[in-house]
Amino acid sequence: MKILPVNIYKPAAPQQNLKRKDNASGYFSKSDYNPLYYNDYNVSFSGRTPENFYAQDFNRENMPITMNDYLMSNYEFNQHMPPEQMMQESFKYLGISKNFDDVKSIYPNEDLFKNLHECSISDRKKGLLSEIKVARELGESPLLKDGSDNFGMYLLKKIYLEGKTLKEISKDFLEKDISDEYKGVVTEPVKYSTLASYGISYPKLSFWHSFINTRDEYKKFFIELPKNSQNTSANSASASKTSAADTQAAEDSKKSEKRPKRKYNIKPYHKKQLMDDISNNKTNDSDDVKKNCHKAFR
């Protein structure tokens, strides 16, 4: 009987430990190593429906409490609603909230809102909030085109009413929502540290990734909702009170509408110095920046 030689199995080295001679660092470059990308726990949502989204435990268990309560209040009907539409419906009372106290009063059970707090922009020495501080001290217009100045509420609504990512919020704020007077003066993007300054946080990552990955595909599944539908997890009495107060405040504002006074009276030569300082500190040295700076300080 002929005995064949035994070939000893040698396991391949882990890919991240492999070296190559033509690489100065001695390791594979990023282009040589392609780890598995995030895909909702390996569940593909391509060609799926909202019903499939809510059938996944990790989506139901990690969505905001308010949204989960809304889903379970009438699961047979609500499971057909895209997550984006359900988020808008669950947090629709944010639209009538003027500040974080209103939010906490209307959504007392929402853990994601427990740490909301006003931010003292006056203490900021750098970054976006610092730019906003300088712009508002020298300008006359409200920060936002809709006439509001509460940047914290703006950020909260962008996430929970519009379902926007941080990059999308920055783009909207700097290009569409900020008052024209401050364009070119306020240029820093919105960062996670900006949200943290107000105690604002996104929903849990596992849910949020699923939400964003399916958002555009599920728009075609938007459904018509019953009139005057309510979210049982929200304090509707507090929401009604807030809405009534807003109506009264709007009427009072029309009766005695006054242009806000400038915080400081600045001499012409000092305005020019400030304009030049801000313009020179911007990476964008375009005529548009200088034009907007001049408009802000005149």
C-alpha atoms as a PDB file:
ATOM      1  CA  MET A   1       0.000   0.000   0.000  1.00  0.00           C
ATOM      2  CA  LYS A   2       1.331   3.412  -0.998  1.00  0.00           C
ATOM      3  CA  ILE A   3       1.252   6.059   1.721  1.00  0.00           C
ATOM      4  CA  LEU A   4       0.733   9.646   0.527  1.00  0.00           C
ATOM      5  CA  PRO A   5       2.484  12.510   2.312  1.00  0.00           C
ATOM      6  CA  VAL A   6       0.342  14.489   4.729  1.00  0.00           C
ATOM      7  CA  ASN A   7      -0.109  18.167   3.843  1.00  0.00           C
ATOM      8  CA  ILE A   8      -0.266  20.210   7.030  1.00  0.00           C
ATOM      9  CA  TYR A   9      -2.961  22.912   6.902  1.00  0.00           C
ATOM     10  CA  LYS A  10      -1.647  26.393   7.553  1.00  0.00           C
ATOM     11  CA  PRO A  11      -4.408  28.935   8.325  1.00  0.00           C
ATOM     12  CA  ALA A  12      -4.165  32.221   6.492  1.00  0.00           C
ATOM     13  CA  ALA A  13      -3.062  35.194   8.552  1.00  0.00           C
ATOM     14  CA  PRO A  14      -5.767  37.723   9.434  1.00  0.00           C
ATOM     15  CA  GLN A  15      -6.114  40.207   6.625  1.00  0.00           C
ATOM     16  CA  GLN A  16      -5.429  43.210   8.806  1.00  0.00           C
ATOM     17  CA  ASN A  17      -2.048  41.730   9.814  1.00  0.00           C
ATOM     18  CA  LEU A  18      -0.803  40.969   6.309  1.00  0.00           C
ATOM     19  CA  LYS A  19       2.151  43.046   5.107  1.00  0.00           C
ATOM     20  CA  ARG A  20       3.194  44.112   1.689  1.00  0.00           C
ATOM     21  CA  LYS A  21       6.634  45.192   0.601  1.00  0.00           C
ATOM     22  CA  ASP A  22       5.570  48.074  -1.593  1.00  0.00           C
ATOM     23  CA  ASN A  23       3.759  49.862   1.216  1.00  0.00           C
ATOM     24  CA  ALA A  24       5.931  52.174   3.282  1.00  0.00           C
ATOM     25  CA  SER A  25       3.867  51.551   6.432  1.00  0.00           C
ATOM     26  CA  GLY A  26       4.166  47.785   6.010  1.00  0.00           C
ATOM     27  CA  TYR A  27       0.378  47.204   6.005  1.00  0.00           C
ATOM     28  CA  PHE A  28      -2.334  46.986   3.429  1.00  0.00           C
ATOM     29  CA  SER A  29      -3.881  50.285   2.399  1.00  0.00           C
ATOM     30  CA  LYS A  30      -7.612  50.954   2.867  1.00  0.00           C
ATOM     31  CA  SER A  31      -8.245  50.081  -0.756  1.00  0.00           C
ATOM     32  CA  ASP A  32      -6.917  46.560  -0.124  1.00  0.00           C
ATOM     33  CA  TYR A  33      -9.142  45.903   2.877  1.00  0.00           C
ATOM     34  CA  ASN A  34     -12.909  46.045   2.509  1.00  0.00           C
ATOM     35  CA  PRO A  35     -14.697  45.114   5.751  1.00  0.00           C
ATOM     36  CA  LEU A  36     -18.412  44.362   5.766  1.00  0.00           C
ATOM     37  CA  TYR A  37     -20.425  47.561   5.705  1.00  0.00           C
ATOM     38  CA  TYR A  38     -23.403  48.194   7.971  1.00  0.00           C
ATOM     39  CA  ASN A  39     -26.579  46.724   6.495  1.00  0.00           C
ATOM     40  CA  ASP A  40     -29.177  46.715   9.274  1.00  0.00           C
ATOM     41  CA  TYR A  41     -27.855  43.565  10.953  1.00  0.00           C
ATOM     42  CA  ASN A  42     -27.511  41.974   7.493  1.00  0.00           C
ATOM     43  CA  VAL A  43     -31.191  42.573   6.750  1.00  0.00           C
ATOM     44  CA  SER A  44     -31.606  44.174   3.335  1.00  0.00           C
ATOM     45  CA  PHE A  45     -34.540  46.573   2.981  1.00  0.00           C
ATOM     46  CA  SER A  46     -34.419  46.755  -0.790  1.00  0.00           C
ATOM     47  CA  GLY A  47     -37.888  46.174  -2.227  1.00  0.00           C
ATOM     48  CA  ARG A  48     -39.441  45.877   1.215  1.00  0.00           C
ATOM     49  CA  THR A  49     -42.362  47.703   2.817  1.00  0.00           C
ATOM     50  CA  PRO A  50     -43.066  49.530   6.108  1.00  0.00           C
ATOM     51  CA  GLU A  51     -44.622  46.319   7.459  1.00  0.00           C
ATOM     52  CA  ASN A  52     -41.249  44.608   7.069  1.00  0.00           C
ATOM     53  CA  PHE A  53     -39.552  47.522   8.845  1.00  0.00           C
ATOM     54  CA  TYR A  54     -41.738  47.213  11.965  1.00  0.00           C
ATOM     55  CA  ALA A  55     -41.498  43.410  11.923  1.00  0.00           C
ATOM     56  CA  GLN A  56     -37.805  43.706  12.868  1.00  0.00           C
ATOM     57  CA  ASP A  57     -37.335  43.615  16.640  1.00  0.00           C
ATOM     58  CA  PHE A  58     -34.328  45.932  16.608  1.00  0.00           C
ATOM     59  CA  ASN A  59     -36.371  48.644  14.848  1.00  0.00           C
ATOM     60  CA  ARG A  60     -39.326  48.481  17.251  1.00  0.00           C
ATOM     61  CA  GLU A  61     -37.184  48.192  20.362  1.00  0.00           C
ATOM     62  CA  ASN A  62     -34.803  51.027  19.484  1.00  0.00           C
ATOM     63  CA  MET A  63     -37.179  53.637  18.075  1.00  0.00           C
ATOM     64  CA  PRO A  64     -38.104  56.626  20.303  1.00  0.00           C
ATOM     65  CA  ILE A  65     -40.608  55.770  23.046  1.00  0.00           C
ATOM     66  CA  THR A  66     -43.144  58.242  21.679  1.00  0.00           C
ATOM     67  CA  MET A  67     -42.957  56.661  18.253  1.00  0.00           C
ATOM     68  CA  ASN A  68     -43.247  53.128  19.647  1.00  0.00           C
ATOM     69  CA  ASP A  69     -46.327  54.111  21.653  1.00  0.00           C
ATOM     70  CA  TYR A  70     -47.889  55.551  18.528  1.00  0.00           C
ATOM     71  CA  LEU A  71     -47.145  52.386  16.554  1.00  0.00           C
ATOM     72  CA  MET A  72     -48.575  50.052  19.180  1.00  0.00           C
ATOM     73  CA  SER A  73     -51.700  52.167  19.812  1.00  0.00           C
ATOM     74  CA  ASN A  74     -53.160  50.755  16.585  1.00  0.00           C
ATOM     75  CA  TYR A  75     -50.621  48.359  15.147  1.00  0.00           C
ATOM     76  CA  GLU A  76     -52.864  46.895  12.459  1.00  0.00           C
ATOM     77  CA  PHE A  77     -53.309  50.316  10.864  1.00  0.00           C
ATOM     78  CA  ASN A  78     -50.048  52.054  11.793  1.00  0.00           C
ATOM     79  CA  GLN A  79     -47.753  49.304  10.501  1.00  0.00           C
ATOM     80  CA  HIS A  80     -48.580  50.457   6.958  1.00  0.00           C
ATOM     81  CA  MET A  81     -47.212  53.942   7.671  1.00  0.00           C
ATOM     82  CA  PRO A  82     -43.617  54.728   6.602  1.00  0.00           C
ATOM     83  CA  PRO A  83     -41.289  55.476   9.561  1.00  0.00           C
ATOM     84  CA  GLU A  84     -40.751  59.036   8.331  1.00  0.00           C
ATOM     85  CA  GLN A  85     -44.487  59.739   8.355  1.00  0.00           C
ATOM     86  CA  MET A  86     -44.894  58.077  11.739  1.00  0.00           C
ATOM     87  CA  MET A  87     -42.094  60.194  13.222  1.00  0.00           C
ATOM     88  CA  GLN A  88     -43.730  63.353  11.871  1.00  0.00           C
ATOM     89  CA  GLU A  89     -47.075  62.338  13.332  1.00  0.00           C
ATOM     90  CA  SER A  90     -45.615  61.232  16.669  1.00  0.00           C
ATOM     91  CA  PHE A  91     -43.740  64.494  17.200  1.00  0.00           C
ATOM     92  CA  LYS A  92     -46.102  66.881  15.409  1.00  0.00           C
ATOM     93  CA  TYR A  93     -46.606  68.938  18.571  1.00  0.00           C
ATOM     94  CA  LEU A  94     -43.000  70.108  18.298  1.00  0.00           C
ATOM     95  CA  GLY A  95     -44.380  72.401  15.614  1.00  0.00           C
ATOM     96  CA  ILE A  96     -46.276  74.431  18.219  1.00  0.00           C
ATOM     97  CA  SER A  97     -43.619  74.259  20.940  1.00  0.00           C
ATOM     98  CA  LYS A  98     -41.771  77.523  21.540  1.00  0.00           C
ATOM     99  CA  ASN A  99     -39.059  76.201  23.859  1.00  0.00           C
ATOM    100  CA  PHE A 100     -37.731  73.084  25.569  1.00  0.00           C
ATOM    101  CA  ASP A 101     -40.075  73.515  28.549  1.00  0.00           C
ATOM    102  CA  ASP A 102     -43.029  73.162  26.183  1.00  0.00           C
ATOM    103  CA  VAL A 103     -41.440  70.061  24.664  1.00  0.00           C
ATOM    104  CA  LYS A 104     -40.945  68.378  28.039  1.00  0.00           C
ATOM    105  CA  SER A 105     -44.484  69.266  29.080  1.00  0.00           C
ATOM    106  CA  ILE A 106     -46.026  67.794  25.917  1.00  0.00           C
ATOM    107  CA  TYR A 107     -43.755  64.735  25.780  1.00  0.00           C
ATOM    108  CA  PRO A 108     -43.131  63.917  29.475  1.00  0.00           C
ATOM    109  CA  ASN A 109     -42.347  60.246  28.797  1.00  0.00           C
ATOM    110  CA  GLU A 110     -39.813  60.724  26.001  1.00  0.00           C
ATOM    111  CA  ASP A 111     -36.361  59.823  27.332  1.00  0.00           C
ATOM    112  CA  LEU A 112     -34.636  61.506  24.381  1.00  0.00           C
ATOM    113  CA  PHE A 113     -35.977  64.874  25.604  1.00  0.00           C
ATOM    114  CA  LYS A 114     -35.059  64.520  29.289  1.00  0.00           C
ATOM    115  CA  ASN A 115     -31.718  66.345  28.945  1.00  0.00           C
ATOM    116  CA  LEU A 116     -32.865  69.253  26.779  1.00  0.00           C
ATOM    117  CA  HIS A 117     -31.640  72.602  28.074  1.00  0.00           C
ATOM    118  CA  GLU A 118     -31.072  76.087  26.785  1.00  0.00           C
ATOM    119  CA  CYS A 119     -27.535  76.882  25.708  1.00  0.00           C
ATOM    120  CA  SER A 120     -25.749  80.044  26.781  1.00  0.00           C
ATOM    121  CA  ILE A 121     -24.410  81.131  23.406  1.00  0.00           C
ATOM    122  CA  SER A 122     -22.794  84.151  25.058  1.00  0.00           C
ATOM    123  CA  ASP A 123     -20.220  81.831  26.670  1.00  0.00           C
ATOM    124  CA  ARG A 124     -19.090  80.318  23.353  1.00  0.00           C
ATOM    125  CA  LYS A 125     -15.687  81.458  22.149  1.00  0.00           C
ATOM    126  CA  LYS A 126     -15.356  79.467  18.921  1.00  0.00           C
ATOM    127  CA  GLY A 127     -17.312  77.413  16.417  1.00  0.00           C
ATOM    128  CA  LEU A 128     -20.822  77.835  15.053  1.00  0.00           C
ATOM    129  CA  LEU A 129     -22.414  79.098  18.266  1.00  0.00           C
ATOM    130  CA  SER A 130     -19.725  81.739  18.589  1.00  0.00           C
ATOM    131  CA  GLU A 131     -20.401  82.944  15.052  1.00  0.00           C
ATOM    132  CA  ILE A 132     -24.116  83.110  15.812  1.00  0.00           C
ATOM    133  CA  LYS A 133     -23.372  85.128  18.939  1.00  0.00           C
ATOM    134  CA  VAL A 134     -21.354  87.733  17.010  1.00  0.00           C
ATOM    135  CA  ALA A 135     -23.874  87.905  14.173  1.00  0.00           C
ATOM    136  CA  ARG A 136     -26.840  88.436  16.479  1.00  0.00           C
ATOM    137  CA  GLU A 137     -25.068  91.104  18.545  1.00  0.00           C
ATOM    138  CA  LEU A 138     -24.285  93.143  15.445  1.00  0.00           C
ATOM    139  CA  GLY A 139     -27.246  92.322  13.223  1.00  0.00           C
ATOM    140  CA  GLU A 140     -30.897  93.291  13.414  1.00  0.00           C
ATOM    141  CA  SER A 141     -32.732  90.376  11.770  1.00  0.00           C
ATOM    142  CA  PRO A 142     -33.818  87.203  13.598  1.00  0.00           C
ATOM    143  CA  LEU A 143     -31.425  84.302  13.115  1.00  0.00           C
ATOM    144  CA  LEU A 144     -33.834  82.304  10.952  1.00  0.00           C
ATOM    145  CA  LYS A 145     -35.925  83.303   7.960  1.00  0.00           C
ATOM    146  CA  ASP A 146     -39.124  82.197   9.689  1.00  0.00           C
ATOM    147  CA  GLY A 147     -38.578  84.978  12.230  1.00  0.00           C
ATOM    148  CA  SER A 148     -37.404  82.789  15.120  1.00  0.00           C
ATOM    149  CA  ASP A 149     -34.207  82.991  17.152  1.00  0.00           C
ATOM    150  CA  ASN A 150     -34.342  79.701  19.082  1.00  0.00           C
ATOM    151  CA  PHE A 151     -31.582  77.681  17.431  1.00  0.00           C
ATOM    152  CA  GLY A 152     -32.026  74.741  19.826  1.00  0.00           C
ATOM    153  CA  MET A 153     -35.666  74.287  18.852  1.00  0.00           C
ATOM    154  CA  TYR A 154     -34.680  74.600  15.198  1.00  0.00           C
ATOM    155  CA  LEU A 155     -32.220  71.691  15.555  1.00  0.00           C
ATOM    156  CA  LEU A 156     -34.704  69.534  17.489  1.00  0.00           C
ATOM    157  CA  LYS A 157     -37.409  69.995  14.864  1.00  0.00           C
ATOM    158  CA  LYS A 158     -34.985  69.218  12.052  1.00  0.00           C
ATOM    159  CA  ILE A 159     -34.330  65.811  13.577  1.00  0.00           C
ATOM    160  CA  TYR A 160     -37.726  64.762  14.920  1.00  0.00           C
ATOM    161  CA  LEU A 161     -40.095  66.522  12.517  1.00  0.00           C
ATOM    162  CA  GLU A 162     -38.088  66.354   9.307  1.00  0.00           C
ATOM    163  CA  GLY A 163     -35.894  63.303   9.974  1.00  0.00           C
ATOM    164  CA  LYS A 164     -32.701  65.001   8.775  1.00  0.00           C
ATOM    165  CA  THR A 165     -29.102  63.856   9.184  1.00  0.00           C
ATOM    166  CA  LEU A 166     -26.470  66.199  10.615  1.00  0.00           C
ATOM    167  CA  LYS A 167     -25.078  66.908   7.152  1.00  0.00           C
ATOM    168  CA  GLU A 168     -28.544  67.706   5.822  1.00  0.00           C
ATOM    169  CA  ILE A 169     -29.260  70.031   8.758  1.00  0.00           C
ATOM    170  CA  SER A 170     -26.035  71.971   8.135  1.00  0.00           C
ATOM    171  CA  LYS A 171     -26.844  72.348   4.447  1.00  0.00           C
ATOM    172  CA  ASP A 172     -30.396  73.542   5.136  1.00  0.00           C
ATOM    173  CA  PHE A 173     -29.293  75.987   7.823  1.00  0.00           C
ATOM    174  CA  LEU A 174     -26.429  77.618   5.926  1.00  0.00           C
ATOM    175  CA  GLU A 175     -28.063  77.645   2.498  1.00  0.00           C
ATOM    176  CA  LYS A 176     -31.817  78.005   3.061  1.00  0.00           C
ATOM    177  CA  ASP A 177     -32.980  78.664   6.618  1.00  0.00           C
ATOM    178  CA  ILE A 178     -30.579  81.296   7.991  1.00  0.00           C
ATOM    179  CA  SER A 179     -31.541  84.948   7.476  1.00  0.00           C
ATOM    180  CA  ASP A 180     -29.911  86.475   4.418  1.00  0.00           C
ATOM    181  CA  GLU A 181     -28.307  89.109   6.640  1.00  0.00           C
ATOM    182  CA  TYR A 182     -26.037  86.492   8.211  1.00  0.00           C
ATOM    183  CA  LYS A 183     -25.044  84.483   5.151  1.00  0.00           C
ATOM    184  CA  GLY A 184     -21.283  84.646   4.767  1.00  0.00           C
ATOM    185  CA  VAL A 185     -20.888  85.692   8.406  1.00  0.00           C
ATOM    186  CA  VAL A 186     -22.106  82.398   9.898  1.00  0.00           C
ATOM    187  CA  THR A 187     -20.313  79.628   7.979  1.00  0.00           C
ATOM    188  CA  GLU A 188     -19.449  76.852  10.454  1.00  0.00           C
ATOM    189  CA  PRO A 189     -21.371  73.562  10.007  1.00  0.00           C
ATOM    190  CA  VAL A 190     -23.617  72.011  12.639  1.00  0.00           C
ATOM    191  CA  LYS A 191     -21.713  69.339  14.570  1.00  0.00           C
ATOM    192  CA  TYR A 192     -22.577  66.747  17.193  1.00  0.00           C
ATOM    193  CA  SER A 193     -21.000  69.061  19.762  1.00  0.00           C
ATOM    194  CA  THR A 194     -23.517  71.715  18.696  1.00  0.00           C
ATOM    195  CA  LEU A 195     -26.376  69.330  19.474  1.00  0.00           C
ATOM    196  CA  ALA A 196     -24.757  68.379  22.783  1.00  0.00           C
ATOM    197  CA  SER A 197     -24.703  72.045  23.797  1.00  0.00           C
ATOM    198  CA  TYR A 198     -28.510  71.855  23.928  1.00  0.00           C
ATOM    199  CA  GLY A 199     -28.776  68.308  25.266  1.00  0.00           C
ATOM    200  CA  ILE A 200     -30.119  67.138  21.913  1.00  0.00           C
ATOM    201  CA  SER A 201     -29.427  63.586  20.750  1.00  0.00           C
ATOM    202  CA  TYR A 202     -30.439  61.402  17.839  1.00  0.00           C
ATOM    203  CA  PRO A 203     -32.468  58.204  18.345  1.00  0.00           C
ATOM    204  CA  LYS A 204     -30.507  55.006  18.959  1.00  0.00           C
ATOM    205  CA  LEU A 205     -28.069  54.260  16.172  1.00  0.00           C
ATOM    206  CA  SER A 206     -29.502  50.880  15.150  1.00  0.00           C
ATOM    207  CA  PHE A 207     -32.933  52.422  14.542  1.00  0.00           C
ATOM    208  CA  TRP A 208     -31.590  55.596  12.970  1.00  0.00           C
ATOM    209  CA  HIS A 209     -29.525  53.727  10.380  1.00  0.00           C
ATOM    210  CA  SER A 210     -32.591  51.721   9.366  1.00  0.00           C
ATOM    211  CA  PHE A 211     -34.661  54.908   9.260  1.00  0.00           C
ATOM    212  CA  ILE A 212     -32.221  56.754   6.969  1.00  0.00           C
ATOM    213  CA  ASN A 213     -31.554  53.748   4.725  1.00  0.00           C
ATOM    214  CA  THR A 214     -35.269  53.289   4.013  1.00  0.00           C
ATOM    215  CA  ARG A 215     -36.428  56.918   4.128  1.00  0.00           C
ATOM    216  CA  ASP A 216     -36.395  57.704   0.408  1.00  0.00           C
ATOM    217  CA  GLU A 217     -37.628  54.293  -0.722  1.00  0.00           C
ATOM    218  CA  TYR A 218     -40.608  54.375   1.656  1.00  0.00           C
ATOM    219  CA  LYS A 219     -41.892  57.816   0.607  1.00  0.00           C
ATOM    220  CA  LYS A 220     -44.158  56.125  -1.919  1.00  0.00           C
ATOM    221  CA  PHE A 221     -45.987  54.394   0.942  1.00  0.00           C
ATOM    222  CA  PHE A 222     -47.263  57.551   2.681  1.00  0.00           C
ATOM    223  CA  ILE A 223     -50.900  57.046   3.671  1.00  0.00           C
ATOM    224  CA  GLU A 224     -53.860  59.324   4.391  1.00  0.00           C
ATOM    225  CA  LEU A 225     -54.487  59.665   8.118  1.00  0.00           C
ATOM    226  CA  PRO A 226     -57.803  60.200   9.906  1.00  0.00           C
ATOM    227  CA  LYS A 227     -58.601  63.839  10.651  1.00  0.00           C
ATOM    228  CA  ASN A 228     -57.617  65.129  14.094  1.00  0.00           C
ATOM    229  CA  SER A 229     -55.563  62.023  14.839  1.00  0.00           C
ATOM    230  CA  GLN A 230     -53.757  62.220  18.183  1.00  0.00           C
ATOM    231  CA  ASN A 231     -50.699  60.655  19.711  1.00  0.00           C
ATOM    232  CA  THR A 232     -51.770  58.974  22.938  1.00  0.00           C
ATOM    233  CA  SER A 233     -48.278  59.224  24.424  1.00  0.00           C
ATOM    234  CA  ALA A 234     -48.262  63.021  24.120  1.00  0.00           C
ATOM    235  CA  ASN A 235     -49.906  65.343  26.620  1.00  0.00           C
ATOM    236  CA  SER A 236     -52.643  66.733  24.376  1.00  0.00           C
ATOM    237  CA  ALA A 237     -53.932  69.068  27.106  1.00  0.00           C
ATOM    238  CA  SER A 238     -50.516  70.693  27.374  1.00  0.00           C
ATOM    239  CA  ALA A 239     -50.291  70.865  23.585  1.00  0.00           C
ATOM    240  CA  SER A 240     -53.660  72.639  23.389  1.00  0.00           C
ATOM    241  CA  LYS A 241     -52.583  75.096  26.068  1.00  0.00           C
ATOM    242  CA  THR A 242     -49.348  75.811  24.208  1.00  0.00           C
ATOM    243  CA  SER A 243     -51.224  76.284  20.943  1.00  0.00           C
ATOM    244  CA  ALA A 244     -53.652  78.754  22.560  1.00  0.00           C
ATOM    245  CA  ALA A 245     -50.770  80.692  24.098  1.00  0.00           C
ATOM    246  CA  ASP A 246     -49.049  80.872  20.707  1.00  0.00           C
ATOM    247  CA  THR A 247     -52.205  82.238  19.076  1.00  0.00           C
ATOM    248  CA  GLN A 248     -52.549  84.937  21.718  1.00  0.00           C
ATOM    249  CA  ALA A 249     -48.856  85.804  21.496  1.00  0.00           C
ATOM    250  CA  ALA A 250     -49.124  86.152  17.714  1.00  0.00           C
ATOM    251  CA  GLU A 251     -52.064  88.533  18.051  1.00  0.00           C
ATOM    252  CA  ASP A 252     -50.232  90.617  20.665  1.00  0.00           C
ATOM    253  CA  SER A 253     -47.167  90.729  18.439  1.00  0.00           C
ATOM    254  CA  LYS A 254     -49.169  92.155  15.538  1.00  0.00           C
ATOM    255  CA  LYS A 255     -50.540  94.914  17.755  1.00  0.00           C
ATOM    256  CA  SER A 256     -47.151  96.058  18.990  1.00  0.00           C
ATOM    257  CA  GLU A 257     -44.623  94.939  16.395  1.00  0.00           C
ATOM    258  CA  LYS A 258     -41.342  96.767  16.851  1.00  0.00           C
ATOM    259  CA  ARG A 259     -37.983  96.367  15.195  1.00  0.00           C
ATOM    260  CA  PRO A 260     -35.500  94.986  17.752  1.00  0.00           C
ATOM    261  CA  LYS A 261     -32.892  97.470  18.916  1.00  0.00           C
ATOM    262  CA  ARG A 262     -29.257  96.863  18.071  1.00  0.00           C
ATOM    263  CA  LYS A 263     -27.355  95.763  21.147  1.00  0.00           C
ATOM    264  CA  TYR A 264     -24.433  98.099  20.513  1.00  0.00           C
ATOM    265  CA  ASN A 265     -24.093 101.442  18.757  1.00  0.00           C
ATOM    266  CA  ILE A 266     -20.982 100.992  16.654  1.00  0.00           C
ATOM    267  CA  LYS A 267     -19.109 103.804  15.007  1.00  0.00           C
ATOM    268  CA  PRO A 268     -18.558 103.497  11.224  1.00  0.00           C
ATOM    269  CA  TYR A 269     -14.804 102.948  11.464  1.00  0.00           C
ATOM    270  CA  HIS A 270     -15.326 100.171  14.049  1.00  0.00           C
ATOM    271  CA  LYS A 271     -17.911  98.466  11.851  1.00  0.00           C
ATOM    272  CA  LYS A 272     -15.368  98.392   9.034  1.00  0.00           C
ATOM    273  CA  GLN A 273     -12.773  96.851  11.335  1.00  0.00           C
ATOM    274  CA  LEU A 274     -15.199  94.139  12.444  1.00  0.00           C
ATOM    275  CA  MET A 275     -16.245  93.446   8.880  1.00  0.00           C
ATOM    276  CA  ASP A 276     -12.625  93.134   7.764  1.00  0.00           C
ATOM    277  CA  ASP A 277     -11.738  90.875  10.719  1.00  0.00           C
ATOM    278  CA  ILE A 278     -14.543  88.437  10.012  1.00  0.00           C
ATOM    279  CA  SER A 279     -13.966  88.472   6.250  1.00  0.00           C
ATOM    280  CA  ASN A 280     -10.237  87.811   6.666  1.00  0.00           C
ATOM    281  CA  ASN A 281     -10.898  84.881   9.004  1.00  0.00           C
ATOM    282  CA  LYS A 282     -13.100  83.084   6.481  1.00  0.00           C
ATOM    283  CA  THR A 283     -11.590  80.527   4.184  1.00  0.00           C
ATOM    284  CA  ASN A 284     -13.908  81.836   1.482  1.00  0.00           C
ATOM    285  CA  ASP A 285     -12.586  85.248   0.413  1.00  0.00           C
ATOM    286  CA  SER A 286     -15.249  85.765  -2.227  1.00  0.00           C
ATOM    287  CA  ASP A 287     -17.082  89.024  -2.944  1.00  0.00           C
ATOM    288  CA  ASP A 288     -20.264  87.354  -1.693  1.00  0.00           C
ATOM    289  CA  VAL A 289     -18.797  86.972   1.809  1.00  0.00           C
ATOM    290  CA  LYS A 290     -17.672  90.589   1.946  1.00  0.00           C
ATOM    291  CA  LYS A 291     -21.005  91.784   0.635  1.00  0.00           C
ATOM    292  CA  ASN A 292     -22.937  89.902   3.298  1.00  0.00           C
ATOM    293  CA  CYS A 293     -20.576  91.045   6.067  1.00  0.00           C
ATOM    294  CA  HIS A 294     -21.060  94.644   5.006  1.00  0.00           C
ATOM    295  CA  LYS A 295     -24.833  94.156   5.007  1.00  0.00           C
ATOM    296  CA  ALA A 296     -24.742  92.658   8.496  1.00  0.00           C
ATOM    297  CA  PHE A 297     -22.871  95.571  10.053  1.00  0.00           C
ATOM    298  CA  ARG A 298     -24.200  98.625   8.274  1.00  0.00           C
END
